[in-house]
Amino acid sequence: DLGTQKLVIVVSSTYGEGDLPQTALPFFDALNEVRP
């Protein structure tokens, strides 16, 4: 659905050794798999 948006504000913290939080990992993985 991202490609249909005109403007997105993305907010994220950093976890551990520079990782994304657990709740953001599926989103990040999907970005790399789906490649919208």
PDB file of all heavy atoms in Angstrom:
ATOM      1  N   ASP A   1       0.804  -1.218   0.000  1.00  0.00           N
ATOM      2  CA  ASP A   1       0.000   0.000   0.000  1.00  0.00           C
ATOM      3  C   ASP A   1       0.842   1.275   0.000  1.00  0.00           C
ATOM      4  O   ASP A   1       0.312   2.363  -0.224  1.00  0.00           O
ATOM      5  CB  ASP A   1      -0.938   0.028   1.214  1.00  0.00           C
ATOM      6  CG  ASP A   1      -2.004  -1.052   1.143  1.00  0.00           C
ATOM      7  OD1 ASP A   1      -2.292  -1.527   0.032  1.00  0.00           O
ATOM      8  OD2 ASP A   1      -2.531  -1.414   2.211  1.00  0.00           O
ATOM      9  N   LEU A   2       2.139   1.166   0.249  1.00  0.00           N
ATOM     10  CA  LEU A   2       2.980   2.359   0.332  1.00  0.00           C
ATOM     11  C   LEU A   2       2.987   3.163  -0.961  1.00  0.00           C
ATOM     12  O   LEU A   2       2.974   4.389  -0.929  1.00  0.00           O
ATOM     13  CB  LEU A   2       4.424   1.987   0.683  1.00  0.00           C
ATOM     14  CG  LEU A   2       4.741   1.775   2.147  1.00  0.00           C
ATOM     15  CD1 LEU A   2       6.173   1.285   2.308  1.00  0.00           C
ATOM     16  CD2 LEU A   2       4.515   3.040   2.944  1.00  0.00           C
ATOM     17  N   GLY A   3       3.023   2.490  -2.092  1.00  0.00           N
ATOM     18  CA  GLY A   3       3.088   3.173  -3.368  1.00  0.00           C
ATOM     19  C   GLY A   3       1.887   4.044  -3.667  1.00  0.00           C
ATOM     20  O   GLY A   3       1.945   4.919  -4.533  1.00  0.00           O
ATOM     21  N   THR A   4       0.787   3.846  -2.939  1.00  0.00           N
ATOM     22  CA  THR A   4      -0.418   4.659  -3.150  1.00  0.00           C
ATOM     23  C   THR A   4      -0.417   5.921  -2.291  1.00  0.00           C
ATOM     24  O   THR A   4      -1.289   6.758  -2.447  1.00  0.00           O
ATOM     25  CB  THR A   4      -1.694   3.846  -2.840  1.00  0.00           C
ATOM     26  OG1 THR A   4      -1.719   3.539  -1.444  1.00  0.00           O
ATOM     27  CG2 THR A   4      -1.742   2.570  -3.660  1.00  0.00           C
ATOM     28  N   GLN A   5       0.549   6.023  -1.384  1.00  0.00           N
ATOM     29  CA  GLN A   5       0.607   7.171  -0.476  1.00  0.00           C
ATOM     30  C   GLN A   5       1.389   8.314  -1.104  1.00  0.00           C
ATOM     31  O   GLN A   5       2.387   8.090  -1.792  1.00  0.00           O
ATOM     32  CB  GLN A   5       1.282   6.767   0.841  1.00  0.00           C
ATOM     33  CG  GLN A   5       0.580   5.642   1.570  1.00  0.00           C
ATOM     34  CD  GLN A   5      -0.850   5.989   1.922  1.00  0.00           C
ATOM     35  OE1 GLN A   5      -1.142   7.083   2.391  1.00  0.00           O
ATOM     36  NE2 GLN A   5      -1.750   5.047   1.691  1.00  0.00           N
ATOM     37  N   LYS A   6       0.944   9.531  -0.856  1.00  0.00           N
ATOM     38  CA  LYS A   6       1.658  10.708  -1.362  1.00  0.00           C
ATOM     39  C   LYS A   6       2.801  11.092  -0.440  1.00  0.00           C
ATOM     40  O   LYS A   6       3.880  11.471  -0.881  1.00  0.00           O
ATOM     41  CB  LYS A   6       0.704  11.886  -1.519  1.00  0.00           C
ATOM     42  CG  LYS A   6      -0.317  11.671  -2.606  1.00  0.00           C
ATOM     43  CD  LYS A   6      -1.240  12.857  -2.713  1.00  0.00           C
ATOM     44  CE  LYS A   6      -2.273  12.560  -3.791  1.00  0.00           C
ATOM     45  NZ  LYS A   6      -3.316  13.554  -3.849  1.00  0.00           N
ATOM     46  N   LEU A   7       2.535  11.020   0.874  1.00  0.00           N
ATOM     47  CA  LEU A   7       3.545  11.390   1.869  1.00  0.00           C
ATOM     48  C   LEU A   7       3.408  10.474   3.074  1.00  0.00           C
ATOM     49  O   LEU A   7       2.305  10.288   3.595  1.00  0.00           O
ATOM     50  CB  LEU A   7       3.387  12.850   2.302  1.00  0.00           C
ATOM     51  CG  LEU A   7       4.330  13.338   3.388  1.00  0.00           C
ATOM     52  CD1 LEU A   7       5.776  13.340   2.897  1.00  0.00           C
ATOM     53  CD2 LEU A   7       3.936  14.728   3.857  1.00  0.00           C
ATOM     54  N   VAL A   8       4.528   9.957   3.510  1.00  0.00           N
ATOM     55  CA  VAL A   8       4.579   9.081   4.684  1.00  0.00           C
ATOM     56  C   VAL A   8       5.620   9.653   5.647  1.00  0.00           C
ATOM     57  O   VAL A   8       6.693  10.088   5.211  1.00  0.00           O
ATOM     58  CB  VAL A   8       4.977   7.643   4.279  1.00  0.00           C
ATOM     59  CG1 VAL A   8       5.261   6.788   5.498  1.00  0.00           C
ATOM     60  CG2 VAL A   8       3.900   7.014   3.418  1.00  0.00           C
ATOM     61  N   ILE A   9       5.285   9.668   6.919  1.00  0.00           N
ATOM     62  CA  ILE A   9       6.275  10.003   7.945  1.00  0.00           C
ATOM     63  C   ILE A   9       6.558   8.705   8.689  1.00  0.00           C
ATOM     64  O   ILE A   9       5.647   8.113   9.276  1.00  0.00           O
ATOM     65  CB  ILE A   9       5.779  11.089   8.907  1.00  0.00           C
ATOM     66  CG1 ILE A   9       5.487  12.373   8.150  1.00  0.00           C
ATOM     67  CG2 ILE A   9       6.820  11.327  10.013  1.00  0.00           C
ATOM     68  CD1 ILE A   9       4.905  13.492   8.991  1.00  0.00           C
ATOM     69  N   VAL A  10       7.778   8.262   8.625  1.00  0.00           N
ATOM     70  CA  VAL A  10       8.167   7.014   9.273  1.00  0.00           C
ATOM     71  C   VAL A  10       8.931   7.356  10.553  1.00  0.00           C
ATOM     72  O   VAL A  10       9.800   8.225  10.558  1.00  0.00           O
ATOM     73  CB  VAL A  10       8.982   6.102   8.324  1.00  0.00           C
ATOM     74  CG1 VAL A  10      10.265   6.749   7.881  1.00  0.00           C
ATOM     75  CG2 VAL A  10       9.252   4.752   8.952  1.00  0.00           C
ATOM     76  N   VAL A  11       8.541   6.690  11.637  1.00  0.00           N
ATOM     77  CA  VAL A  11       9.154   6.911  12.951  1.00  0.00           C
ATOM     78  C   VAL A  11       9.631   5.563  13.456  1.00  0.00           C
ATOM     79  O   VAL A  11       8.870   4.588  13.443  1.00  0.00           O
ATOM     80  CB  VAL A  11       8.134   7.510  13.953  1.00  0.00           C
ATOM     81  CG1 VAL A  11       8.762   7.672  15.333  1.00  0.00           C
ATOM     82  CG2 VAL A  11       7.575   8.824  13.441  1.00  0.00           C
ATOM     83  N   SER A  12      10.890   5.506  13.896  1.00  0.00           N
ATOM     84  CA  SER A  12      11.406   4.244  14.426  1.00  0.00           C
ATOM     85  C   SER A  12      12.509   4.496  15.441  1.00  0.00           C
ATOM     86  O   SER A  12      13.268   5.456  15.331  1.00  0.00           O
ATOM     87  CB  SER A  12      11.959   3.371  13.295  1.00  0.00           C
ATOM     88  OG  SER A  12      12.441   2.143  13.814  1.00  0.00           O
ATOM     89  N   SER A  13      12.597   3.596  16.374  1.00  0.00           N
ATOM     90  CA  SER A  13      13.711   3.593  17.308  1.00  0.00           C
ATOM     91  C   SER A  13      14.768   2.623  16.785  1.00  0.00           C
ATOM     92  O   SER A  13      14.585   1.978  15.748  1.00  0.00           O
ATOM     93  CB  SER A  13      13.231   3.158  18.698  1.00  0.00           C
ATOM     94  OG  SER A  13      12.692   1.856  18.626  1.00  0.00           O
ATOM     95  N   THR A  14      15.871   2.557  17.497  1.00  0.00           N
ATOM     96  CA  THR A  14      16.924   1.588  17.219  1.00  0.00           C
ATOM     97  C   THR A  14      17.001   0.660  18.411  1.00  0.00           C
ATOM     98  O   THR A  14      16.912   1.094  19.555  1.00  0.00           O
ATOM     99  CB  THR A  14      18.274   2.298  16.998  1.00  0.00           C
ATOM    100  OG1 THR A  14      18.148   3.155  15.871  1.00  0.00           O
ATOM    101  CG2 THR A  14      19.400   1.307  16.761  1.00  0.00           C
ATOM    102  N   TYR A  15      17.175  -0.606  18.142  1.00  0.00           N
ATOM    103  CA  TYR A  15      17.184  -1.619  19.186  1.00  0.00           C
ATOM    104  C   TYR A  15      18.512  -2.374  19.139  1.00  0.00           C
ATOM    105  O   TYR A  15      19.029  -2.665  18.051  1.00  0.00           O
ATOM    106  CB  TYR A  15      16.009  -2.575  18.956  1.00  0.00           C
ATOM    107  CG  TYR A  15      15.938  -3.717  19.924  1.00  0.00           C
ATOM    108  CD1 TYR A  15      15.443  -3.538  21.211  1.00  0.00           C
ATOM    109  CD2 TYR A  15      16.368  -4.985  19.550  1.00  0.00           C
ATOM    110  CE1 TYR A  15      15.375  -4.592  22.098  1.00  0.00           C
ATOM    111  CE2 TYR A  15      16.303  -6.045  20.439  1.00  0.00           C
ATOM    112  CZ  TYR A  15      15.804  -5.839  21.712  1.00  0.00           C
ATOM    113  OH  TYR A  15      15.753  -6.879  22.591  1.00  0.00           O
ATOM    114  N   GLY A  16      19.034  -2.691  20.306  1.00  0.00           N
ATOM    115  CA  GLY A  16      20.228  -3.537  20.373  1.00  0.00           C
ATOM    116  C   GLY A  16      21.419  -2.942  19.654  1.00  0.00           C
ATOM    117  O   GLY A  16      21.808  -1.813  19.884  1.00  0.00           O
ATOM    118  N   GLU A  17      21.976  -3.694  18.750  1.00  0.00           N
ATOM    119  CA  GLU A  17      23.192  -3.295  18.034  1.00  0.00           C
ATOM    120  C   GLU A  17      22.879  -2.628  16.701  1.00  0.00           C
ATOM    121  O   GLU A  17      23.486  -2.946  15.677  1.00  0.00           O
ATOM    122  CB  GLU A  17      24.090  -4.518  17.833  1.00  0.00           C
ATOM    123  CG  GLU A  17      24.577  -5.144  19.116  1.00  0.00           C
ATOM    124  CD  GLU A  17      25.403  -4.173  19.953  1.00  0.00           C
ATOM    125  OE1 GLU A  17      26.281  -3.483  19.380  1.00  0.00           O
ATOM    126  OE2 GLU A  17      25.156  -4.088  21.163  1.00  0.00           O
ATOM    127  N   GLY A  18      21.925  -1.711  16.693  1.00  0.00           N
ATOM    128  CA  GLY A  18      21.577  -0.989  15.478  1.00  0.00           C
ATOM    129  C   GLY A  18      20.441  -1.610  14.703  1.00  0.00           C
ATOM    130  O   GLY A  18      20.222  -1.276  13.542  1.00  0.00           O
ATOM    131  N   ASP A  19      19.723  -2.514  15.338  1.00  0.00           N
ATOM    132  CA  ASP A  19      18.614  -3.197  14.678  1.00  0.00           C
ATOM    133  C   ASP A  19      17.332  -2.386  14.793  1.00  0.00           C
ATOM    134  O   ASP A  19      17.207  -1.485  15.611  1.00  0.00           O
ATOM    135  CB  ASP A  19      18.384  -4.567  15.319  1.00  0.00           C
ATOM    136  CG  ASP A  19      19.594  -5.477  15.198  1.00  0.00           C
ATOM    137  OD1 ASP A  19      20.228  -5.479  14.123  1.00  0.00           O
ATOM    138  OD2 ASP A  19      19.912  -6.167  16.184  1.00  0.00           O
ATOM    139  N   LEU A  20      16.371  -2.777  13.965  1.00  0.00           N
ATOM    140  CA  LEU A  20      15.029  -2.225  14.091  1.00  0.00           C
ATOM    141  C   LEU A  20      14.313  -2.953  15.224  1.00  0.00           C
ATOM    142  O   LEU A  20      14.634  -4.103  15.534  1.00  0.00           O
ATOM    143  CB  LEU A  20      14.263  -2.429  12.784  1.00  0.00           C
ATOM    144  CG  LEU A  20      14.743  -1.571  11.627  1.00  0.00           C
ATOM    145  CD1 LEU A  20      14.222  -2.101  10.308  1.00  0.00           C
ATOM    146  CD2 LEU A  20      14.316  -0.131  11.832  1.00  0.00           C
ATOM    147  N   PRO A  21      13.309  -2.328  15.816  1.00  0.00           N
ATOM    148  CA  PRO A  21      12.526  -3.010  16.846  1.00  0.00           C
ATOM    149  C   PRO A  21      11.814  -4.237  16.258  1.00  0.00           C
ATOM    150  O   PRO A  21      11.552  -4.291  15.049  1.00  0.00           O
ATOM    151  CB  PRO A  21      11.492  -1.968  17.288  1.00  0.00           C
ATOM    152  CG  PRO A  21      11.886  -0.693  16.661  1.00  0.00           C
ATOM    153  CD  PRO A  21      12.847  -0.973  15.568  1.00  0.00           C
ATOM    154  N   GLN A  22      11.498  -5.195  17.080  1.00  0.00           N
ATOM    155  CA  GLN A  22      10.836  -6.428  16.630  1.00  0.00           C
ATOM    156  C   GLN A  22       9.563  -6.139  15.841  1.00  0.00           C
ATOM    157  O   GLN A  22       9.269  -6.822  14.874  1.00  0.00           O
ATOM    158  CB  GLN A  22      10.508  -7.327  17.829  1.00  0.00           C
ATOM    159  CG  GLN A  22      11.725  -7.953  18.462  1.00  0.00           C
ATOM    160  CD  GLN A  22      12.427  -8.925  17.524  1.00  0.00           C
ATOM    161  OE1 GLN A  22      11.780  -9.713  16.833  1.00  0.00           O
ATOM    162  NE2 GLN A  22      13.737  -8.848  17.468  1.00  0.00           N
ATOM    163  N   THR A  23       8.821  -5.121  16.245  1.00  0.00           N
ATOM    164  CA  THR A  23       7.562  -4.803  15.556  1.00  0.00           C
ATOM    165  C   THR A  23       7.799  -4.235  14.156  1.00  0.00           C
ATOM    166  O   THR A  23       6.904  -4.260  13.328  1.00  0.00           O
ATOM    167  CB  THR A  23       6.721  -3.806  16.367  1.00  0.00           C
ATOM    168  OG1 THR A  23       7.511  -2.648  16.641  1.00  0.00           O
ATOM    169  CG2 THR A  23       6.229  -4.443  17.666  1.00  0.00           C
ATOM    170  N   ALA A  24       8.991  -3.709  13.889  1.00  0.00           N
ATOM    171  CA  ALA A  24       9.285  -3.128  12.579  1.00  0.00           C
ATOM    172  C   ALA A  24       9.958  -4.120  11.630  1.00  0.00           C
ATOM    173  O   ALA A  24       9.987  -3.900  10.425  1.00  0.00           O
ATOM    174  CB  ALA A  24      10.170  -1.900  12.736  1.00  0.00           C
ATOM    175  N   LEU A  25      10.493  -5.217  12.149  1.00  0.00           N
ATOM    176  CA  LEU A  25      11.223  -6.171  11.303  1.00  0.00           C
ATOM    177  C   LEU A  25      10.374  -6.790  10.194  1.00  0.00           C
ATOM    178  O   LEU A  25      10.839  -6.863   9.056  1.00  0.00           O
ATOM    179  CB  LEU A  25      11.874  -7.258  12.160  1.00  0.00           C
ATOM    180  CG  LEU A  25      13.106  -6.809  12.939  1.00  0.00           C
ATOM    181  CD1 LEU A  25      13.593  -7.924  13.852  1.00  0.00           C
ATOM    182  CD2 LEU A  25      14.207  -6.338  12.007  1.00  0.00           C
ATOM    183  N   PRO A  26       9.136  -7.220  10.452  1.00  0.00           N
ATOM    184  CA  PRO A  26       8.336  -7.765   9.353  1.00  0.00           C
ATOM    185  C   PRO A  26       8.093  -6.738   8.238  1.00  0.00           C
ATOM    186  O   PRO A  26       8.126  -7.075   7.058  1.00  0.00           O
ATOM    187  CB  PRO A  26       7.020  -8.170  10.017  1.00  0.00           C
ATOM    188  CG  PRO A  26       7.368  -8.387  11.444  1.00  0.00           C
ATOM    189  CD  PRO A  26       8.447  -7.388  11.737  1.00  0.00           C
ATOM    190  N   PHE A  27       7.875  -5.487   8.613  1.00  0.00           N
ATOM    191  CA  PHE A  27       7.688  -4.408   7.647  1.00  0.00           C
ATOM    192  C   PHE A  27       8.958  -4.246   6.802  1.00  0.00           C
ATOM    193  O   PHE A  27       8.900  -4.188   5.569  1.00  0.00           O
ATOM    194  CB  PHE A  27       7.361  -3.112   8.395  1.00  0.00           C
ATOM    195  CG  PHE A  27       7.215  -1.900   7.527  1.00  0.00           C
ATOM    196  CD1 PHE A  27       6.000  -1.609   6.929  1.00  0.00           C
ATOM    197  CD2 PHE A  27       8.283  -1.040   7.320  1.00  0.00           C
ATOM    198  CE1 PHE A  27       5.856  -0.474   6.133  1.00  0.00           C
ATOM    199  CE2 PHE A  27       8.150   0.089   6.520  1.00  0.00           C
ATOM    200  CZ  PHE A  27       6.927   0.369   5.928  1.00  0.00           C
ATOM    201  N   PHE A  28      10.101  -4.172   7.452  1.00  0.00           N
ATOM    202  CA  PHE A  28      11.373  -3.998   6.771  1.00  0.00           C
ATOM    203  C   PHE A  28      11.662  -5.191   5.850  1.00  0.00           C
ATOM    204  O   PHE A  28      12.076  -5.010   4.700  1.00  0.00           O
ATOM    205  CB  PHE A  28      12.495  -3.823   7.796  1.00  0.00           C
ATOM    206  CG  PHE A  28      13.828  -3.556   7.188  1.00  0.00           C
ATOM    207  CD1 PHE A  28      14.131  -2.318   6.659  1.00  0.00           C
ATOM    208  CD2 PHE A  28      14.796  -4.551   7.148  1.00  0.00           C
ATOM    209  CE1 PHE A  28      15.379  -2.063   6.094  1.00  0.00           C
ATOM    210  CE2 PHE A  28      16.043  -4.308   6.583  1.00  0.00           C
ATOM    211  CZ  PHE A  28      16.330  -3.060   6.056  1.00  0.00           C
ATOM    212  N   ASP A  29      11.432  -6.389   6.356  1.00  0.00           N
ATOM    213  CA  ASP A  29      11.639  -7.593   5.535  1.00  0.00           C
ATOM    214  C   ASP A  29      10.716  -7.594   4.318  1.00  0.00           C
ATOM    215  O   ASP A  29      11.130  -7.937   3.210  1.00  0.00           O
ATOM    216  CB  ASP A  29      11.422  -8.861   6.368  1.00  0.00           C
ATOM    217  CG  ASP A  29      12.511  -9.061   7.418  1.00  0.00           C
ATOM    218  OD1 ASP A  29      13.595  -8.436   7.303  1.00  0.00           O
ATOM    219  OD2 ASP A  29      12.266  -9.837   8.357  1.00  0.00           O
ATOM    220  N   ALA A  30       9.460  -7.163   4.525  1.00  0.00           N
ATOM    221  CA  ALA A  30       8.501  -7.118   3.414  1.00  0.00           C
ATOM    222  C   ALA A  30       8.923  -6.075   2.375  1.00  0.00           C
ATOM    223  O   ALA A  30       8.756  -6.301   1.168  1.00  0.00           O
ATOM    224  CB  ALA A  30       7.101  -6.823   3.930  1.00  0.00           C
ATOM    225  N   LEU A  31       9.484  -4.949   2.825  1.00  0.00           N
ATOM    226  CA  LEU A  31       9.984  -3.957   1.875  1.00  0.00           C
ATOM    227  C   LEU A  31      11.011  -4.584   0.938  1.00  0.00           C
ATOM    228  O   LEU A  31      10.985  -4.371  -0.272  1.00  0.00           O
ATOM    229  CB  LEU A  31      10.654  -2.792   2.602  1.00  0.00           C
ATOM    230  CG  LEU A  31       9.795  -1.668   3.126  1.00  0.00           C
ATOM    231  CD1 LEU A  31      10.658  -0.666   3.888  1.00  0.00           C
ATOM    232  CD2 LEU A  31       9.040  -0.972   2.021  1.00  0.00           C
ATOM    233  N   ASN A  32      11.894  -5.378   1.509  1.00  0.00           N
ATOM    234  CA  ASN A  32      12.952  -6.005   0.725  1.00  0.00           C
ATOM    235  C   ASN A  32      12.456  -7.166  -0.123  1.00  0.00           C
ATOM    236  O   ASN A  32      13.065  -7.470  -1.153  1.00  0.00           O
ATOM    237  CB  ASN A  32      14.090  -6.444   1.647  1.00  0.00           C
ATOM    238  CG  ASN A  32      14.812  -5.254   2.241  1.00  0.00           C
ATOM    239  OD1 ASN A  32      15.182  -4.336   1.532  1.00  0.00           O
ATOM    240  ND2 ASN A  32      14.982  -5.250   3.549  1.00  0.00           N
ATOM    241  N   GLU A  33      11.382  -7.805   0.286  1.00  0.00           N
ATOM    242  CA  GLU A  33      10.829  -8.933  -0.486  1.00  0.00           C
ATOM    243  C   GLU A  33       9.869  -8.458  -1.574  1.00  0.00           C
ATOM    244  O   GLU A  33       9.971  -8.867  -2.726  1.00  0.00           O
ATOM    245  CB  GLU A  33      10.110  -9.905   0.451  1.00  0.00           C
ATOM    246  CG  GLU A  33      11.048 -10.670   1.360  1.00  0.00           C
ATOM    247  CD  GLU A  33      10.310 -11.451   2.440  1.00  0.00           C
ATOM    248  OE1 GLU A  33       9.084 -11.663   2.309  1.00  0.00           O
ATOM    249  OE2 GLU A  33      10.969 -11.838   3.424  1.00  0.00           O
ATOM    250  N   VAL A  34       8.933  -7.601  -1.217  1.00  0.00           N
ATOM    251  CA  VAL A  34       7.912  -7.132  -2.150  1.00  0.00           C
ATOM    252  C   VAL A  34       8.495  -6.087  -3.109  1.00  0.00           C
ATOM    253  O   VAL A  34       8.126  -6.047  -4.280  1.00  0.00           O
ATOM    254  CB  VAL A  34       6.687  -6.558  -1.383  1.00  0.00           C
ATOM    255  CG1 VAL A  34       5.663  -5.961  -2.327  1.00  0.00           C
ATOM    256  CG2 VAL A  34       6.066  -7.643  -0.508  1.00  0.00           C
ATOM    257  N   ARG A  35       9.383  -5.248  -2.593  1.00  0.00           N
ATOM    258  CA  ARG A  35      10.024  -4.177  -3.357  1.00  0.00           C
ATOM    259  C   ARG A  35       9.006  -3.319  -4.123  1.00  0.00           C
ATOM    260  O   ARG A  35       9.043  -3.212  -5.344  1.00  0.00           O
ATOM    261  CB  ARG A  35      11.086  -4.736  -4.291  1.00  0.00           C
ATOM    262  CG  ARG A  35      12.172  -5.490  -3.530  1.00  0.00           C
ATOM    263  CD  ARG A  35      13.461  -5.654  -4.241  1.00  0.00           C
ATOM    264  NE  ARG A  35      14.049  -4.482  -4.825  1.00  0.00           N
ATOM    265  CZ  ARG A  35      14.750  -3.526  -4.177  1.00  0.00           C
ATOM    266  NH1 ARG A  35      14.912  -3.617  -2.871  1.00  0.00           N
ATOM    267  NH2 ARG A  35      15.269  -2.511  -4.825  1.00  0.00           N
ATOM    268  N   PRO A  36       8.076  -2.690  -3.369  1.00  0.00           N
ATOM    269  CA  PRO A  36       7.074  -1.852  -4.038  1.00  0.00           C
ATOM    270  C   PRO A  36       7.731  -0.655  -4.712  1.00  0.00           C
ATOM    271  O   PRO A  36       8.772  -0.168  -4.269  1.00  0.00           O
ATOM    272  CB  PRO A  36       6.170  -1.408  -2.881  1.00  0.00           C
ATOM    273  CG  PRO A  36       7.044  -1.460  -1.677  1.00  0.00           C
ATOM    274  CD  PRO A  36       7.974  -2.618  -1.909  1.00  0.00           C
TER     275      PRO A  36
END
